[in-house]
PDB file of N, CA and C in Angstrom:
ATOM      1  N   MET A   1      14.002   0.443   0.076  1.00  0.00           N
ATOM      2  CA  MET A   1      13.468  -0.975   0.535  1.00  0.00           C
ATOM      3  C   MET A   1      11.749  -0.568   0.228  1.00  0.00           C
ATOM      4  N   ALA A   2      11.237  -1.619  -0.688  1.00  0.00           N
ATOM      5  CA  ALA A   2       9.715  -1.176  -1.453  1.00  0.00           C
ATOM      6  C   ALA A   2       9.118  -1.437   0.125  1.00  0.00           C
ATOM      7  N   TYR A   3       7.931  -0.587  -0.029  1.00  0.00           N
ATOM      8  CA  TYR A   3       6.587  -0.861   1.021  1.00  0.00           C
ATOM      9  C   TYR A   3       5.856  -2.136   0.910  1.00  0.00           C
ATOM     10  N   LYS A   4       5.300  -2.754   2.030  1.00  0.00           N
ATOM     11  CA  LYS A   4       4.594  -3.859   1.701  1.00  0.00           C
ATOM     12  C   LYS A   4       3.456  -3.401   3.038  1.00  0.00           C
ATOM     13  N   ILE A   5       2.213  -4.108   2.625  1.00  0.00           N
ATOM     14  CA  ILE A   5       1.130  -3.805   3.690  1.00  0.00           C
ATOM     15  C   ILE A   5       0.854  -5.149   4.152  1.00  0.00           C
ATOM     16  N   ASP A   6       0.476  -4.581   5.688  1.00  0.00           N
ATOM     17  CA  ASP A   6       0.148  -5.570   6.497  1.00  0.00           C
ATOM     18  C   ASP A   6      -1.549  -6.128   6.165  1.00  0.00           C
ATOM     19  N   SER A   7      -1.616  -7.543   6.040  1.00  0.00           N
ATOM     20  CA  SER A   7      -2.710  -7.932   5.501  1.00  0.00           C
ATOM     21  C   SER A   7      -3.814  -8.109   6.755  1.00  0.00           C
ATOM     22  N   ASP A   8      -3.279  -8.081   7.884  1.00  0.00           N
ATOM     23  CA  ASP A   8      -4.010  -8.322   8.819  1.00  0.00           C
ATOM     24  C   ASP A   8      -4.459  -7.133   9.337  1.00  0.00           C
ATOM     25  N   ALA A   9      -3.824  -5.804   9.166  1.00  0.00           N
ATOM     26  CA  ALA A   9      -4.303  -4.660   9.550  1.00  0.00           C
ATOM     27  C   ALA A   9      -5.094  -3.873   8.537  1.00  0.00           C
ATOM     28  N   CYS A  10      -5.102  -4.217   7.165  1.00  0.00           N
ATOM     29  CA  CYS A  10      -5.572  -3.822   5.842  1.00  0.00           C
ATOM     30  C   CYS A  10      -7.186  -3.708   5.981  1.00  0.00           C
ATOM     31  N   ILE A  11      -7.755  -2.848   5.668  1.00  0.00           N
ATOM     32  CA  ILE A  11      -9.545  -2.711   5.997  1.00  0.00           C
ATOM     33  C   ILE A  11      -9.964  -2.447   4.491  1.00  0.00           C
ATOM     34  N   SER A  12      -8.934  -3.017   3.601  1.00  0.00           N
ATOM     35  CA  SER A  12      -9.507  -2.927   1.837  1.00  0.00           C
ATOM     36  C   SER A  12     -10.334  -1.578   1.488  1.00  0.00           C
ATOM     37  N   CYS A  13      -9.704  -0.451   1.938  1.00  0.00           N
ATOM     38  CA  CYS A  13     -10.381   0.790   1.978  1.00  0.00           C
ATOM     39  C   CYS A  13     -10.251   1.303   0.398  1.00  0.00           C
ATOM     40  N   GLY A  14      -9.043   1.130  -0.031  1.00  0.00           N
ATOM     41  CA  GLY A  14      -8.319   1.823  -1.249  1.00  0.00           C
ATOM     42  C   GLY A  14      -7.816   2.849  -1.137  1.00  0.00           C
ATOM     43  N   ALA A  15      -7.722   3.776  -0.161  1.00  0.00           N
ATOM     44  CA  ALA A  15      -6.987   4.616   0.098  1.00  0.00           C
ATOM     45  C   ALA A  15      -5.250   4.663  -0.345  1.00  0.00           C
ATOM     46  N   CYS A  16      -4.888   3.587  -0.170  1.00  0.00           N
ATOM     47  CA  CYS A  16      -3.226   3.843  -0.507  1.00  0.00           C
ATOM     48  C   CYS A  16      -3.190   3.613  -2.133  1.00  0.00           C
ATOM     49  N   ALA A  17      -3.990   2.867  -2.536  1.00  0.00           N
ATOM     50  CA  ALA A  17      -4.078   2.800  -3.993  1.00  0.00           C
ATOM     51  C   ALA A  17      -4.354   4.324  -4.891  1.00  0.00           C
ATOM     52  N   ALA A  18      -5.435   4.659  -4.268  1.00  0.00           N
ATOM     53  CA  ALA A  18      -5.931   6.216  -4.567  1.00  0.00           C
ATOM     54  C   ALA A  18      -4.524   7.318  -4.811  1.00  0.00           C
ATOM     55  N   GLU A  19      -3.706   6.900  -3.606  1.00  0.00           N
ATOM     56  CA  GLU A  19      -2.420   7.591  -3.315  1.00  0.00           C
ATOM     57  C   GLU A  19      -1.414   7.873  -4.045  1.00  0.00           C
ATOM     58  N   CYS A  20      -1.215   6.461  -4.430  1.00  0.00           N
ATOM     59  CA  CYS A  20      -0.142   5.913  -5.299  1.00  0.00           C
ATOM     60  C   CYS A  20       0.288   6.513  -6.650  1.00  0.00           C
ATOM     61  N   PRO A  21       1.328   7.060  -6.776  1.00  0.00           N
ATOM     62  CA  PRO A  21       1.308   8.024  -7.929  1.00  0.00           C
ATOM     63  C   PRO A  21       2.142   7.072  -9.435  1.00  0.00           C
ATOM     64  N   VAL A  22       2.496   5.784  -8.979  1.00  0.00           N
ATOM     65  CA  VAL A  22       2.912   4.938  -9.984  1.00  0.00           C
ATOM     66  C   VAL A  22       2.019   3.591  -9.977  1.00  0.00           C
ATOM     67  N   SER A  23       1.255   3.638  -9.357  1.00  0.00           N
ATOM     68  CA  SER A  23       0.116   2.712  -9.536  1.00  0.00           C
ATOM     69  C   SER A  23       0.784   1.110  -9.179  1.00  0.00           C
ATOM     70  N   ALA A  24       1.034   1.268  -8.239  1.00  0.00           N
ATOM     71  CA  ALA A  24       1.979   0.047  -7.594  1.00  0.00           C
ATOM     72  C   ALA A  24       1.063  -0.806  -6.821  1.00  0.00           C
ATOM     73  N   ILE A  25      -0.026  -0.277  -6.496  1.00  0.00           N
ATOM     74  CA  ILE A  25      -1.086  -0.656  -5.516  1.00  0.00           C
ATOM     75  C   ILE A  25      -2.137  -1.298  -6.171  1.00  0.00           C
ATOM     76  N   SER A  26      -2.287  -2.712  -5.984  1.00  0.00           N
ATOM     77  CA  SER A  26      -3.692  -3.301  -6.300  1.00  0.00           C
ATOM     78  C   SER A  26      -4.558  -4.003  -5.293  1.00  0.00           C
ATOM     79  N   GLU A  27      -5.883  -4.273  -5.671  1.00  0.00           N
ATOM     80  CA  GLU A  27      -6.528  -4.892  -4.507  1.00  0.00           C
ATOM     81  C   GLU A  27      -6.060  -6.593  -4.641  1.00  0.00           C
ATOM     82  N   GLY A  28      -6.024  -7.243  -3.713  1.00  0.00           N
ATOM     83  CA  GLY A  28      -5.761  -8.799  -3.989  1.00  0.00           C
ATOM     84  C   GLY A  28      -6.756  -9.156  -3.402  1.00  0.00           C
ATOM     85  N   ASP A  29      -6.709 -10.774  -2.985  1.00  0.00           N
ATOM     86  CA  ASP A  29      -7.623 -11.225  -2.781  1.00  0.00           C
ATOM     87  C   ASP A  29      -8.352 -11.142  -1.096  1.00  0.00           C
ATOM     88  N   THR A  30      -7.123 -10.862  -0.200  1.00  0.00           N
ATOM     89  CA  THR A  30      -7.844 -10.591   0.839  1.00  0.00           C
ATOM     90  C   THR A  30      -7.567  -9.014   1.722  1.00  0.00           C
ATOM     91  N   SER A  31      -6.554  -8.257   1.124  1.00  0.00           N
ATOM     92  CA  SER A  31      -6.315  -7.198   1.250  1.00  0.00           C
ATOM     93  C   SER A  31      -5.253  -6.363  -0.047  1.00  0.00           C
ATOM     94  N   TYR A  32      -5.266  -5.323   0.167  1.00  0.00           N
ATOM     95  CA  TYR A  32      -4.361  -4.419  -1.093  1.00  0.00           C
ATOM     96  C   TYR A  32      -2.857  -5.254  -1.109  1.00  0.00           C
ATOM     97  N   VAL A  33      -2.377  -4.796  -2.310  1.00  0.00           N
ATOM     98  CA  VAL A  33      -0.853  -5.568  -2.185  1.00  0.00           C
ATOM     99  C   VAL A  33      -0.180  -4.392  -3.047  1.00  0.00           C
ATOM    100  N   ILE A  34       1.201  -4.378  -2.887  1.00  0.00           N
ATOM    101  CA  ILE A  34       1.865  -3.263  -3.360  1.00  0.00           C
ATOM    102  C   ILE A  34       3.031  -4.360  -4.406  1.00  0.00           C
ATOM    103  N   ASP A  35       3.184  -3.984  -5.528  1.00  0.00           N
ATOM    104  CA  ASP A  35       4.276  -4.543  -6.323  1.00  0.00           C
ATOM    105  C   ASP A  35       5.558  -3.699  -6.104  1.00  0.00           C
ATOM    106  N   ALA A  36       6.407  -4.565  -5.524  1.00  0.00           N
ATOM    107  CA  ALA A  36       7.681  -3.838  -5.153  1.00  0.00           C
ATOM    108  C   ALA A  36       8.528  -3.774  -6.312  1.00  0.00           C
ATOM    109  N   ASP A  37       8.310  -4.102  -7.454  1.00  0.00           N
ATOM    110  CA  ASP A  37       9.108  -3.528  -8.644  1.00  0.00           C
ATOM    111  C   ASP A  37       8.695  -2.499  -8.893  1.00  0.00           C
ATOM    112  N   THR A  38       7.503  -1.893  -8.815  1.00  0.00           N
ATOM    113  CA  THR A  38       7.198  -0.684  -9.305  1.00  0.00           C
ATOM    114  C   THR A  38       6.936   0.711  -8.489  1.00  0.00           C
ATOM    115  N   CYS A  39       7.139  -0.118  -6.965  1.00  0.00           N
ATOM    116  CA  CYS A  39       7.006   1.104  -5.752  1.00  0.00           C
ATOM    117  C   CYS A  39       8.513   1.779  -5.900  1.00  0.00           C
ATOM    118  N   ILE A  40       8.331   3.143  -5.726  1.00  0.00           N
ATOM    119  CA  ILE A  40       9.351   4.201  -5.625  1.00  0.00           C
ATOM    120  C   ILE A  40       9.544   4.379  -4.307  1.00  0.00           C
ATOM    121  N   GLU A  41       8.923   3.632  -3.365  1.00  0.00           N
ATOM    122  CA  GLU A  41       9.329   4.298  -1.644  1.00  0.00           C
ATOM    123  C   GLU A  41       8.952   5.609  -1.364  1.00  0.00           C
ATOM    124  N   CYS A  42       7.897   6.172  -2.066  1.00  0.00           N
ATOM    125  CA  CYS A  42       7.799   7.631  -1.674  1.00  0.00           C
ATOM    126  C   CYS A  42       6.852   7.813  -0.419  1.00  0.00           C
ATOM    127  N   GLY A  43       6.042   6.399   0.084  1.00  0.00           N
ATOM    128  CA  GLY A  43       5.630   6.568   1.358  1.00  0.00           C
ATOM    129  C   GLY A  43       4.108   7.269   1.406  1.00  0.00           C
ATOM    130  N   ALA A  44       3.511   7.737   0.057  1.00  0.00           N
ATOM    131  CA  ALA A  44       2.314   8.528   0.064  1.00  0.00           C
ATOM    132  C   ALA A  44       0.966   7.580   0.690  1.00  0.00           C
ATOM    133  N   CYS A  45       1.414   5.989   0.485  1.00  0.00           N
ATOM    134  CA  CYS A  45       0.442   5.174   1.066  1.00  0.00           C
ATOM    135  C   CYS A  45       0.141   5.027   2.249  1.00  0.00           C
ATOM    136  N   ALA A  46       1.730   5.195   2.883  1.00  0.00           N
ATOM    137  CA  ALA A  46       1.750   5.096   4.279  1.00  0.00           C
ATOM    138  C   ALA A  46       1.131   6.390   4.896  1.00  0.00           C
ATOM    139  N   GLY A  47       0.998   7.626   4.421  1.00  0.00           N
ATOM    140  CA  GLY A  47       0.398   8.696   5.012  1.00  0.00           C
ATOM    141  C   GLY A  47      -0.756   8.606   4.665  1.00  0.00           C
ATOM    142  N   THR A  48      -1.560   8.032   3.924  1.00  0.00           N
ATOM    143  CA  THR A  48      -3.139   8.251   3.703  1.00  0.00           C
ATOM    144  C   THR A  48      -3.606   7.401   4.421  1.00  0.00           C
ATOM    145  N   CYS A  49      -3.215   5.989   4.564  1.00  0.00           N
ATOM    146  CA  CYS A  49      -3.847   5.052   5.337  1.00  0.00           C
ATOM    147  C   CYS A  49      -4.480   4.962   6.428  1.00  0.00           C
ATOM    148  N   PRO A  50      -5.512   5.009   6.905  1.00  0.00           N
ATOM    149  CA  PRO A  50      -6.126   5.355   8.249  1.00  0.00           C
ATOM    150  C   PRO A  50      -5.978   4.225   9.168  1.00  0.00           C
ATOM    151  N   VAL A  51      -5.321   3.150   9.173  1.00  0.00           N
ATOM    152  CA  VAL A  51      -4.832   2.317   9.984  1.00  0.00           C
ATOM    153  C   VAL A  51      -3.424   1.889   9.871  1.00  0.00           C
ATOM    154  N   GLY A  52      -2.826   2.742   9.344  1.00  0.00           N
ATOM    155  CA  GLY A  52      -0.823   2.039   9.065  1.00  0.00           C
ATOM    156  C   GLY A  52      -0.802   0.816   8.564  1.00  0.00           C
ATOM    157  N   ALA A  53      -1.838   0.315   7.350  1.00  0.00           N
ATOM    158  CA  ALA A  53      -1.129  -1.102   6.895  1.00  0.00           C
ATOM    159  C   ALA A  53       0.163  -0.646   6.230  1.00  0.00           C
ATOM    160  N   PRO A  54       0.404   0.156   5.162  1.00  0.00           N
ATOM    161  CA  PRO A  54       1.656   0.259   4.512  1.00  0.00           C
ATOM    162  C   PRO A  54       2.828   0.508   5.393  1.00  0.00           C
ATOM    163  N   ALA A  55       4.118  -0.193   5.224  1.00  0.00           N
ATOM    164  CA  ALA A  55       5.435  -0.027   5.968  1.00  0.00           C
ATOM    165  C   ALA A  55       5.983  -0.175   5.322  1.00  0.00           C
ATOM    166  N   GLU A  56       7.434   0.384   5.536  1.00  0.00           N
ATOM    167  CA  GLU A  56       8.659   0.111   4.358  1.00  0.00           C
ATOM    168  C   GLU A  56       9.077  -1.750   4.879  1.00  0.00           C
ATOM    169  N   GLY A  57       8.971  -2.172   4.019  1.00  0.00           N
ATOM    170  CA  GLY A  57       9.237  -3.738   4.273  1.00  0.00           C
ATOM    171  C   GLY A  57      10.495  -4.388   4.009  1.00  0.00           C
TER     172      GLY A  57
END
């Protein structure tokens, strides 16, 4: 199952987007978002996020 970002927890630092090997993460209106169709479920985003916003969803 693709990862999702908890928009309430996201601090919009961009660390997750920089780590995503398939560029599935982009800046949204209020937080970063993950394109579920592109996400390969590698967990790189979750491992780099300082607040734990990305999670399997």
